[in-house]
Amino acid sequence: MATPARMIICCQSFRAQGDPKGICHKQTDGFLQYIEEELIDRGIDALVVASTCLKQCEAGPVMVIQPENWWFKGVASEEAIDAILDALEDGEQCAEYAL
């Protein structure tokens, strides 16, 4: 299996003690599945990863695209995800949600 071109990291608020805190995990029900389906539909070569807390709780939910190292804030809706992926397809960072 080839290494994906990108990794999309999605904060799921998990902390060292195992207790989810913050807001990311509370606002992202179905989030990972939607991103995965959109990537497939759009033909974007990326791996979706649920992460521990990304320490940006005041801006959550947070999503990061690597290797570009683009951080996005307030990604709590399909509209936000679509805007970010639309810009990614154009090779640009979505300024509206940039952190």
PDB file of N, CA and C in Angstrom:
ATOM      1  N   MET A   1       0.843  -1.177   0.000  1.00  0.00           N
ATOM      2  CA  MET A   1       0.000   0.000   0.000  1.00  0.00           C
ATOM      3  C   MET A   1       0.889   1.242   0.000  1.00  0.00           C
ATOM      4  N   ALA A   2       0.552   2.194  -0.849  1.00  0.00           N
ATOM      5  CA  ALA A   2       1.322   3.434  -0.955  1.00  0.00           C
ATOM      6  C   ALA A   2       1.026   4.365   0.226  1.00  0.00           C
ATOM      7  N   THR A   3       1.989   5.192   0.539  1.00  0.00           N
ATOM      8  CA  THR A   3       1.812   6.206   1.578  1.00  0.00           C
ATOM      9  C   THR A   3       0.931   7.316   1.018  1.00  0.00           C
ATOM     10  N   PRO A   4      -0.109   7.746   1.758  1.00  0.00           N
ATOM     11  CA  PRO A   4      -0.978   8.813   1.259  1.00  0.00           C
ATOM     12  C   PRO A   4      -0.217  10.128   1.099  1.00  0.00           C
ATOM     13  N   ALA A   5      -0.689  10.949   0.165  1.00  0.00           N
ATOM     14  CA  ALA A   5      -0.057  12.242  -0.098  1.00  0.00           C
ATOM     15  C   ALA A   5      -0.248  13.214   1.067  1.00  0.00           C
ATOM     16  N   ARG A   6      -1.375  13.073   1.766  1.00  0.00           N
ATOM     17  CA  ARG A   6      -1.686  13.989   2.872  1.00  0.00           C
ATOM     18  C   ARG A   6      -2.254  13.213   4.060  1.00  0.00           C
ATOM     19  N   MET A   7      -2.196  13.873   5.209  1.00  0.00           N
ATOM     20  CA  MET A   7      -2.844  13.376   6.411  1.00  0.00           C
ATOM     21  C   MET A   7      -3.736  14.496   6.931  1.00  0.00           C
ATOM     22  N   ILE A   8      -4.991  14.165   7.205  1.00  0.00           N
ATOM     23  CA  ILE A   8      -5.918  15.126   7.783  1.00  0.00           C
ATOM     24  C   ILE A   8      -6.157  14.712   9.226  1.00  0.00           C
ATOM     25  N   ILE A   9      -5.685  15.547  10.132  1.00  0.00           N
ATOM     26  CA  ILE A   9      -5.738  15.251  11.563  1.00  0.00           C
ATOM     27  C   ILE A   9      -6.911  16.009  12.171  1.00  0.00           C
ATOM     28  N   CYS A  10      -7.766  15.295  12.868  1.00  0.00           N
ATOM     29  CA  CYS A  10      -8.967  15.880  13.461  1.00  0.00           C
ATOM     30  C   CYS A  10      -8.934  15.708  14.977  1.00  0.00           C
ATOM     31  N   CYS A  11      -9.000  16.822  15.680  1.00  0.00           N
ATOM     32  CA  CYS A  11      -8.977  16.775  17.136  1.00  0.00           C
ATOM     33  C   CYS A  11     -10.229  16.069  17.660  1.00  0.00           C
ATOM     34  N   GLN A  12     -10.016  15.137  18.573  1.00  0.00           N
ATOM     35  CA  GLN A  12     -11.125  14.450  19.224  1.00  0.00           C
ATOM     36  C   GLN A  12     -11.064  14.608  20.738  1.00  0.00           C
ATOM     37  N   SER A  13     -10.261  15.550  21.206  1.00  0.00           N
ATOM     38  CA  SER A  13     -10.227  16.018  22.597  1.00  0.00           C
ATOM     39  C   SER A  13      -9.676  15.041  23.626  1.00  0.00           C
ATOM     40  N   PHE A  14      -9.129  13.924  23.236  1.00  0.00           N
ATOM     41  CA  PHE A  14      -8.670  12.963  24.223  1.00  0.00           C
ATOM     42  C   PHE A  14      -7.412  13.454  24.915  1.00  0.00           C
ATOM     43  N   ARG A  15      -7.383  13.289  26.231  1.00  0.00           N
ATOM     44  CA  ARG A  15      -6.267  13.750  27.056  1.00  0.00           C
ATOM     45  C   ARG A  15      -5.534  12.553  27.645  1.00  0.00           C
ATOM     46  N   ALA A  16      -4.416  12.801  28.257  1.00  0.00           N
ATOM     47  CA  ALA A  16      -3.558  11.747  28.805  1.00  0.00           C
ATOM     48  C   ALA A  16      -4.301  10.839  29.784  1.00  0.00           C
ATOM     49  N   GLN A  17      -5.196  11.381  30.576  1.00  0.00           N
ATOM     50  CA  GLN A  17      -5.931  10.580  31.552  1.00  0.00           C
ATOM     51  C   GLN A  17      -7.082   9.805  30.906  1.00  0.00           C
ATOM     52  N   GLY A  18      -7.291  10.000  29.591  1.00  0.00           N
ATOM     53  CA  GLY A  18      -8.349   9.281  28.889  1.00  0.00           C
ATOM     54  C   GLY A  18      -9.686   9.986  28.937  1.00  0.00           C
ATOM     55  N   ASP A  19      -9.755  11.129  29.600  1.00  0.00           N
ATOM     56  CA  ASP A  19     -11.009  11.857  29.737  1.00  0.00           C
ATOM     57  C   ASP A  19     -11.111  12.926  28.657  1.00  0.00           C
ATOM     58  N   PRO A  20     -12.086  12.791  27.721  1.00  0.00           N
ATOM     59  CA  PRO A  20     -12.205  13.823  26.696  1.00  0.00           C
ATOM     60  C   PRO A  20     -12.681  15.132  27.311  1.00  0.00           C
ATOM     61  N   LYS A  21     -11.990  16.202  26.977  1.00  0.00           N
ATOM     62  CA  LYS A  21     -12.354  17.523  27.467  1.00  0.00           C
ATOM     63  C   LYS A  21     -12.369  18.465  26.283  1.00  0.00           C
ATOM     64  N   GLY A  22     -12.647  19.712  26.525  1.00  0.00           N
ATOM     65  CA  GLY A  22     -12.697  20.647  25.428  1.00  0.00           C
ATOM     66  C   GLY A  22     -13.992  20.504  24.651  1.00  0.00           C
ATOM     67  N   ILE A  23     -14.018  21.058  23.442  1.00  0.00           N
ATOM     68  CA  ILE A  23     -15.267  21.039  22.679  1.00  0.00           C
ATOM     69  C   ILE A  23     -15.212  20.232  21.395  1.00  0.00           C
ATOM     70  N   CYS A  24     -14.032  19.887  20.933  1.00  0.00           N
ATOM     71  CA  CYS A  24     -13.932  19.230  19.631  1.00  0.00           C
ATOM     72  C   CYS A  24     -14.773  17.954  19.533  1.00  0.00           C
ATOM     73  N   HIS A  25     -14.620  17.070  20.500  1.00  0.00           N
ATOM     74  CA  HIS A  25     -15.337  15.797  20.426  1.00  0.00           C
ATOM     75  C   HIS A  25     -16.850  15.968  20.573  1.00  0.00           C
ATOM     76  N   LYS A  26     -17.289  17.054  21.193  1.00  0.00           N
ATOM     77  CA  LYS A  26     -18.715  17.286  21.402  1.00  0.00           C
ATOM     78  C   LYS A  26     -19.413  17.799  20.147  1.00  0.00           C
ATOM     79  N   GLN A  27     -18.643  18.383  19.223  1.00  0.00           N
ATOM     80  CA  GLN A  27     -19.234  19.011  18.048  1.00  0.00           C
ATOM     81  C   GLN A  27     -18.928  18.288  16.743  1.00  0.00           C
ATOM     82  N   THR A  28     -18.378  17.101  16.829  1.00  0.00           N
ATOM     83  CA  THR A  28     -17.935  16.445  15.599  1.00  0.00           C
ATOM     84  C   THR A  28     -18.550  15.068  15.383  1.00  0.00           C
ATOM     85  N   ASP A  29     -19.778  14.877  15.765  1.00  0.00           N
ATOM     86  CA  ASP A  29     -20.457  13.605  15.539  1.00  0.00           C
ATOM     87  C   ASP A  29     -20.602  13.375  14.035  1.00  0.00           C
ATOM     88  N   GLY A  30     -20.057  12.289  13.537  1.00  0.00           N
ATOM     89  CA  GLY A  30     -20.112  11.970  12.121  1.00  0.00           C
ATOM     90  C   GLY A  30     -19.065  12.686  11.281  1.00  0.00           C
ATOM     91  N   PHE A  31     -18.264  13.504  11.904  1.00  0.00           N
ATOM     92  CA  PHE A  31     -17.241  14.345  11.289  1.00  0.00           C
ATOM     93  C   PHE A  31     -16.227  13.529  10.485  1.00  0.00           C
ATOM     94  N   LEU A  32     -15.643  12.525  11.104  1.00  0.00           N
ATOM     95  CA  LEU A  32     -14.607  11.734  10.455  1.00  0.00           C
ATOM     96  C   LEU A  32     -15.157  10.972   9.257  1.00  0.00           C
ATOM     97  N   GLN A  33     -16.336  10.395   9.412  1.00  0.00           N
ATOM     98  CA  GLN A  33     -16.961   9.656   8.320  1.00  0.00           C
ATOM     99  C   GLN A  33     -17.260  10.572   7.139  1.00  0.00           C
ATOM    100  N   TYR A  34     -17.761  11.763   7.417  1.00  0.00           N
ATOM    101  CA  TYR A  34     -18.068  12.711   6.348  1.00  0.00           C
ATOM    102  C   TYR A  34     -16.800  13.107   5.600  1.00  0.00           C
ATOM    103  N   ILE A  35     -15.729  13.406   6.331  1.00  0.00           N
ATOM    104  CA  ILE A  35     -14.462  13.774   5.678  1.00  0.00           C
ATOM    105  C   ILE A  35     -13.974  12.623   4.803  1.00  0.00           C
ATOM    106  N   GLU A  36     -13.987  11.427   5.339  1.00  0.00           N
ATOM    107  CA  GLU A  36     -13.528  10.253   4.592  1.00  0.00           C
ATOM    108  C   GLU A  36     -14.327  10.073   3.301  1.00  0.00           C
ATOM    109  N   GLU A  37     -15.638  10.188   3.390  1.00  0.00           N
ATOM    110  CA  GLU A  37     -16.482  10.037   2.205  1.00  0.00           C
ATOM    111  C   GLU A  37     -16.215  11.137   1.175  1.00  0.00           C
ATOM    112  N   GLU A  38     -16.009  12.366   1.640  1.00  0.00           N
ATOM    113  CA  GLU A  38     -15.709  13.480   0.734  1.00  0.00           C
ATOM    114  C   GLU A  38     -14.362  13.279   0.041  1.00  0.00           C
ATOM    115  N   LEU A  39     -13.376  12.786   0.768  1.00  0.00           N
ATOM    116  CA  LEU A  39     -12.074  12.528   0.162  1.00  0.00           C
ATOM    117  C   LEU A  39     -12.183  11.500  -0.954  1.00  0.00           C
ATOM    118  N   ILE A  40     -12.933  10.447  -0.705  1.00  0.00           N
ATOM    119  CA  ILE A  40     -13.131   9.410  -1.713  1.00  0.00           C
ATOM    120  C   ILE A  40     -13.863   9.985  -2.921  1.00  0.00           C
ATOM    121  N   ASP A  41     -14.964  10.699  -2.677  1.00  0.00           N
ATOM    122  CA  ASP A  41     -15.745  11.296  -3.769  1.00  0.00           C
ATOM    123  C   ASP A  41     -14.916  12.260  -4.616  1.00  0.00           C
ATOM    124  N   ARG A  42     -14.016  12.990  -3.975  1.00  0.00           N
ATOM    125  CA  ARG A  42     -13.214  14.002  -4.661  1.00  0.00           C
ATOM    126  C   ARG A  42     -11.905  13.438  -5.224  1.00  0.00           C
ATOM    127  N   GLY A  43     -11.576  12.201  -4.868  1.00  0.00           N
ATOM    128  CA  GLY A  43     -10.332  11.602  -5.340  1.00  0.00           C
ATOM    129  C   GLY A  43      -9.089  12.202  -4.696  1.00  0.00           C
ATOM    130  N   ILE A  44      -9.232  12.699  -3.469  1.00  0.00           N
ATOM    131  CA  ILE A  44      -8.094  13.274  -2.746  1.00  0.00           C
ATOM    132  C   ILE A  44      -7.388  12.150  -1.986  1.00  0.00           C
ATOM    133  N   ASP A  45      -6.093  12.033  -2.201  1.00  0.00           N
ATOM    134  CA  ASP A  45      -5.286  10.994  -1.568  1.00  0.00           C
ATOM    135  C   ASP A  45      -4.859  11.455  -0.179  1.00  0.00           C
ATOM    136  N   ALA A  46      -5.649  11.096   0.827  1.00  0.00           N
ATOM    137  CA  ALA A  46      -5.356  11.528   2.200  1.00  0.00           C
ATOM    138  C   ALA A  46      -5.849  10.490   3.199  1.00  0.00           C
ATOM    139  N   LEU A  47      -5.180  10.434   4.311  1.00  0.00           N
ATOM    140  CA  LEU A  47      -5.547   9.578   5.432  1.00  0.00           C
ATOM    141  C   LEU A  47      -6.180  10.451   6.509  1.00  0.00           C
ATOM    142  N   VAL A  48      -7.335  10.073   7.018  1.00  0.00           N
ATOM    143  CA  VAL A  48      -8.010  10.811   8.087  1.00  0.00           C
ATOM    144  C   VAL A  48      -7.622  10.177   9.419  1.00  0.00           C
ATOM    145  N   VAL A  49      -7.182  11.033  10.352  1.00  0.00           N
ATOM    146  CA  VAL A  49      -6.704  10.551  11.643  1.00  0.00           C
ATOM    147  C   VAL A  49      -7.396  11.315  12.776  1.00  0.00           C
ATOM    148  N   ALA A  50      -7.933  10.589  13.750  1.00  0.00           N
ATOM    149  CA  ALA A  50      -8.480  11.201  14.967  1.00  0.00           C
ATOM    150  C   ALA A  50      -7.319  11.343  15.950  1.00  0.00           C
ATOM    151  N   SER A  51      -7.163  12.538  16.502  1.00  0.00           N
ATOM    152  CA  SER A  51      -6.014  12.783  17.372  1.00  0.00           C
ATOM    153  C   SER A  51      -6.423  13.030  18.819  1.00  0.00           C
ATOM    154  N   THR A  52      -5.408  13.085  19.640  1.00  0.00           N
ATOM    155  CA  THR A  52      -5.597  13.556  21.005  1.00  0.00           C
ATOM    156  C   THR A  52      -5.815  15.059  20.932  1.00  0.00           C
ATOM    157  N   CYS A  53      -5.961  15.705  22.054  1.00  0.00           N
ATOM    158  CA  CYS A  53      -6.193  17.146  22.096  1.00  0.00           C
ATOM    159  C   CYS A  53      -5.059  17.885  21.390  1.00  0.00           C
ATOM    160  N   LEU A  54      -5.418  18.825  20.511  1.00  0.00           N
ATOM    161  CA  LEU A  54      -4.439  19.620  19.784  1.00  0.00           C
ATOM    162  C   LEU A  54      -4.147  20.951  20.475  1.00  0.00           C
ATOM    163  N   LYS A  55      -4.665  21.111  21.687  1.00  0.00           N
ATOM    164  CA  LYS A  55      -4.378  22.278  22.534  1.00  0.00           C
ATOM    165  C   LYS A  55      -4.824  23.600  21.916  1.00  0.00           C
ATOM    166  N   GLN A  56      -5.923  23.576  21.181  1.00  0.00           N
ATOM    167  CA  GLN A  56      -6.493  24.777  20.585  1.00  0.00           C
ATOM    168  C   GLN A  56      -7.983  24.842  20.910  1.00  0.00           C
ATOM    169  N   CYS A  57      -8.331  24.504  22.146  1.00  0.00           N
ATOM    170  CA  CYS A  57      -9.730  24.344  22.550  1.00  0.00           C
ATOM    171  C   CYS A  57     -10.594  25.573  22.242  1.00  0.00           C
ATOM    172  N   GLU A  58     -10.023  26.774  22.418  1.00  0.00           N
ATOM    173  CA  GLU A  58     -10.805  27.982  22.182  1.00  0.00           C
ATOM    174  C   GLU A  58     -11.182  28.148  20.709  1.00  0.00           C
ATOM    175  N   ALA A  59     -10.518  27.423  19.816  1.00  0.00           N
ATOM    176  CA  ALA A  59     -10.776  27.542  18.379  1.00  0.00           C
ATOM    177  C   ALA A  59     -11.470  26.311  17.804  1.00  0.00           C
ATOM    178  N   GLY A  60     -11.777  25.339  18.634  1.00  0.00           N
ATOM    179  CA  GLY A  60     -12.282  24.048  18.171  1.00  0.00           C
ATOM    180  C   GLY A  60     -13.660  24.087  17.553  1.00  0.00           C
ATOM    181  N   PRO A  61     -13.988  23.024  16.870  1.00  0.00           N
ATOM    182  CA  PRO A  61     -13.160  21.875  16.513  1.00  0.00           C
ATOM    183  C   PRO A  61     -12.037  22.259  15.545  1.00  0.00           C
ATOM    184  N   VAL A  62     -10.909  21.584  15.706  1.00  0.00           N
ATOM    185  CA  VAL A  62      -9.708  21.883  14.938  1.00  0.00           C
ATOM    186  C   VAL A  62      -9.380  20.724  14.008  1.00  0.00           C
ATOM    187  N   MET A  63      -8.924  21.083  12.796  1.00  0.00           N
ATOM    188  CA  MET A  63      -8.487  20.116  11.799  1.00  0.00           C
ATOM    189  C   MET A  63      -7.169  20.612  11.221  1.00  0.00           C
ATOM    190  N   VAL A  64      -6.218  19.694  10.979  1.00  0.00           N
ATOM    191  CA  VAL A  64      -4.908  20.044  10.442  1.00  0.00           C
ATOM    192  C   VAL A  64      -4.668  19.215   9.187  1.00  0.00           C
ATOM    193  N   ILE A  65      -4.159  19.863   8.146  1.00  0.00           N
ATOM    194  CA  ILE A  65      -3.791  19.145   6.924  1.00  0.00           C
ATOM    195  C   ILE A  65      -2.275  19.164   6.809  1.00  0.00           C
ATOM    196  N   GLN A  66      -1.706  17.960   6.728  1.00  0.00           N
ATOM    197  CA  GLN A  66      -0.263  17.785   6.555  1.00  0.00           C
ATOM    198  C   GLN A  66      -0.013  17.183   5.185  1.00  0.00           C
ATOM    199  N   PRO A  67       1.060  17.477   4.476  1.00  0.00           N
ATOM    200  CA  PRO A  67       2.262  18.114   4.968  1.00  0.00           C
ATOM    201  C   PRO A  67       2.245  19.642   4.899  1.00  0.00           C
ATOM    202  N   GLU A  68       1.164  20.238   4.431  1.00  0.00           N
ATOM    203  CA  GLU A  68       1.105  21.696   4.321  1.00  0.00           C
ATOM    204  C   GLU A  68       1.166  22.403   5.674  1.00  0.00           C
ATOM    205  N   ASN A  69       0.789  21.689   6.731  1.00  0.00           N
ATOM    206  CA  ASN A  69       0.698  22.234   8.085  1.00  0.00           C
ATOM    207  C   ASN A  69      -0.326  23.366   8.162  1.00  0.00           C
ATOM    208  N   TRP A  70      -1.455  23.168   7.495  1.00  0.00           N
ATOM    209  CA  TRP A  70      -2.561  24.126   7.528  1.00  0.00           C
ATOM    210  C   TRP A  70      -3.491  23.742   8.675  1.00  0.00           C
ATOM    211  N   TRP A  71      -3.718  24.663   9.596  1.00  0.00           N
ATOM    212  CA  TRP A  71      -4.581  24.465  10.754  1.00  0.00           C
ATOM    213  C   TRP A  71      -5.885  25.206  10.517  1.00  0.00           C
ATOM    214  N   PHE A  72      -7.007  24.548  10.833  1.00  0.00           N
ATOM    215  CA  PHE A  72      -8.321  25.147  10.640  1.00  0.00           C
ATOM    216  C   PHE A  72      -9.110  25.126  11.941  1.00  0.00           C
ATOM    217  N   LYS A  73      -9.865  26.188  12.169  1.00  0.00           N
ATOM    218  CA  LYS A  73     -10.653  26.343  13.393  1.00  0.00           C
ATOM    219  C   LYS A  73     -12.144  26.298  13.067  1.00  0.00           C
ATOM    220  N   GLY A  74     -12.932  25.991  14.076  1.00  0.00           N
ATOM    221  CA  GLY A  74     -14.384  26.040  13.932  1.00  0.00           C
ATOM    222  C   GLY A  74     -14.943  25.115  12.877  1.00  0.00           C
ATOM    223  N   VAL A  75     -14.301  23.982  12.696  1.00  0.00           N
ATOM    224  CA  VAL A  75     -14.723  23.032  11.662  1.00  0.00           C
ATOM    225  C   VAL A  75     -15.785  22.110  12.247  1.00  0.00           C
ATOM    226  N   ALA A  76     -17.010  22.626  12.368  1.00  0.00           N
ATOM    227  CA  ALA A  76     -18.078  21.876  13.031  1.00  0.00           C
ATOM    228  C   ALA A  76     -19.264  21.597  12.116  1.00  0.00           C
ATOM    229  N   SER A  77     -19.100  21.826  10.816  1.00  0.00           N
ATOM    230  CA  SER A  77     -20.229  21.600   9.909  1.00  0.00           C
ATOM    231  C   SER A  77     -19.741  21.030   8.581  1.00  0.00           C
ATOM    232  N   GLU A  78     -20.660  20.436   7.859  1.00  0.00           N
ATOM    233  CA  GLU A  78     -20.338  19.932   6.528  1.00  0.00           C
ATOM    234  C   GLU A  78     -19.929  21.088   5.611  1.00  0.00           C
ATOM    235  N   GLU A  79     -20.537  22.253   5.803  1.00  0.00           N
ATOM    236  CA  GLU A  79     -20.201  23.421   4.991  1.00  0.00           C
ATOM    237  C   GLU A  79     -18.742  23.829   5.194  1.00  0.00           C
ATOM    238  N   ALA A  80     -18.274  23.789   6.440  1.00  0.00           N
ATOM    239  CA  ALA A  80     -16.882  24.132   6.733  1.00  0.00           C
ATOM    240  C   ALA A  80     -15.940  23.120   6.090  1.00  0.00           C
ATOM    241  N   ILE A  81     -16.252  21.856   6.245  1.00  0.00           N
ATOM    242  CA  ILE A  81     -15.423  20.806   5.654  1.00  0.00           C
ATOM    243  C   ILE A  81     -15.386  20.963   4.145  1.00  0.00           C
ATOM    244  N   ASP A  82     -16.543  21.205   3.537  1.00  0.00           N
ATOM    245  CA  ASP A  82     -16.600  21.375   2.083  1.00  0.00           C
ATOM    246  C   ASP A  82     -15.751  22.555   1.630  1.00  0.00           C
ATOM    247  N   ALA A  83     -15.814  23.675   2.346  1.00  0.00           N
ATOM    248  CA  ALA A  83     -15.028  24.860   1.981  1.00  0.00           C
ATOM    249  C   ALA A  83     -13.533  24.558   2.061  1.00  0.00           C
ATOM    250  N   ILE A  84     -13.125  23.854   3.102  1.00  0.00           N
ATOM    251  CA  ILE A  84     -11.710  23.504   3.276  1.00  0.00           C
ATOM    252  C   ILE A  84     -11.254  22.559   2.176  1.00  0.00           C
ATOM    253  N   LEU A  85     -12.058  21.545   1.865  1.00  0.00           N
ATOM    254  CA  LEU A  85     -11.678  20.592   0.826  1.00  0.00           C
ATOM    255  C   LEU A  85     -11.746  21.206  -0.564  1.00  0.00           C
ATOM    256  N   ASP A  86     -12.681  22.123  -0.802  1.00  0.00           N
ATOM    257  CA  ASP A  86     -12.735  22.844  -2.085  1.00  0.00           C
ATOM    258  C   ASP A  86     -11.428  23.597  -2.310  1.00  0.00           C
ATOM    259  N   ALA A  87     -10.974  24.321  -1.280  1.00  0.00           N
ATOM    260  CA  ALA A  87      -9.723  25.080  -1.381  1.00  0.00           C
ATOM    261  C   ALA A  87      -8.537  24.133  -1.563  1.00  0.00           C
ATOM    262  N   LEU A  88      -8.546  23.020  -0.843  1.00  0.00           N
ATOM    263  CA  LEU A  88      -7.459  22.047  -0.963  1.00  0.00           C
ATOM    264  C   LEU A  88      -7.351  21.532  -2.393  1.00  0.00           C
ATOM    265  N   GLU A  89      -8.491  21.264  -3.012  1.00  0.00           N
ATOM    266  CA  GLU A  89      -8.488  20.804  -4.405  1.00  0.00           C
ATOM    267  C   GLU A  89      -7.863  21.840  -5.336  1.00  0.00           C
ATOM    268  N   ASP A  90      -7.986  23.110  -4.983  1.00  0.00           N
ATOM    269  CA  ASP A  90      -7.409  24.194  -5.773  1.00  0.00           C
ATOM    270  C   ASP A  90      -5.969  24.499  -5.361  1.00  0.00           C
ATOM    271  N   GLY A  91      -5.440  23.724  -4.398  1.00  0.00           N
ATOM    272  CA  GLY A  91      -4.078  23.926  -3.939  1.00  0.00           C
ATOM    273  C   GLY A  91      -3.911  25.127  -3.033  1.00  0.00           C
ATOM    274  N   GLU A  92      -5.010  25.542  -2.409  1.00  0.00           N
ATOM    275  CA  GLU A  92      -4.992  26.727  -1.560  1.00  0.00           C
ATOM    276  C   GLU A  92      -5.476  26.406  -0.155  1.00  0.00           C
ATOM    277  N   GLN A  93      -5.114  27.277   0.783  1.00  0.00           N
ATOM    278  CA  GLN A  93      -5.622  27.187   2.142  1.00  0.00           C
ATOM    279  C   GLN A  93      -6.936  27.967   2.222  1.00  0.00           C
ATOM    280  N   CYS A  94      -7.914  27.407   2.885  1.00  0.00           N
ATOM    281  CA  CYS A  94      -9.204  28.078   3.059  1.00  0.00           C
ATOM    282  C   CYS A  94      -9.058  29.155   4.128  1.00  0.00           C
ATOM    283  N   ALA A  95      -8.973  30.415   3.700  1.00  0.00           N
ATOM    284  CA  ALA A  95      -8.723  31.525   4.619  1.00  0.00           C
ATOM    285  C   ALA A  95      -9.846  31.693   5.636  1.00  0.00           C
ATOM    286  N   GLU A  96     -11.071  31.368   5.252  1.00  0.00           N
ATOM    287  CA  GLU A  96     -12.217  31.557   6.145  1.00  0.00           C
ATOM    288  C   GLU A  96     -12.079  30.793   7.452  1.00  0.00           C
ATOM    289  N   TYR A  97     -11.464  29.620   7.407  1.00  0.00           N
ATOM    290  CA  TYR A  97     -11.333  28.775   8.598  1.00  0.00           C
ATOM    291  C   TYR A  97      -9.890  28.638   9.090  1.00  0.00           C
ATOM    292  N   ALA A  98      -8.967  29.356   8.474  1.00  0.00           N
ATOM    293  CA  ALA A  98      -7.554  29.234   8.861  1.00  0.00           C
ATOM    294  C   ALA A  98      -7.345  29.664  10.307  1.00  0.00           C
ATOM    295  N   LEU A  99      -6.536  28.900  11.014  1.00  0.00           N
ATOM    296  CA  LEU A  99      -6.221  29.193  12.419  1.00  0.00           C
ATOM    297  C   LEU A  99      -4.900  29.933  12.483  1.00  0.00           C
TER     298      LEU A  99
END
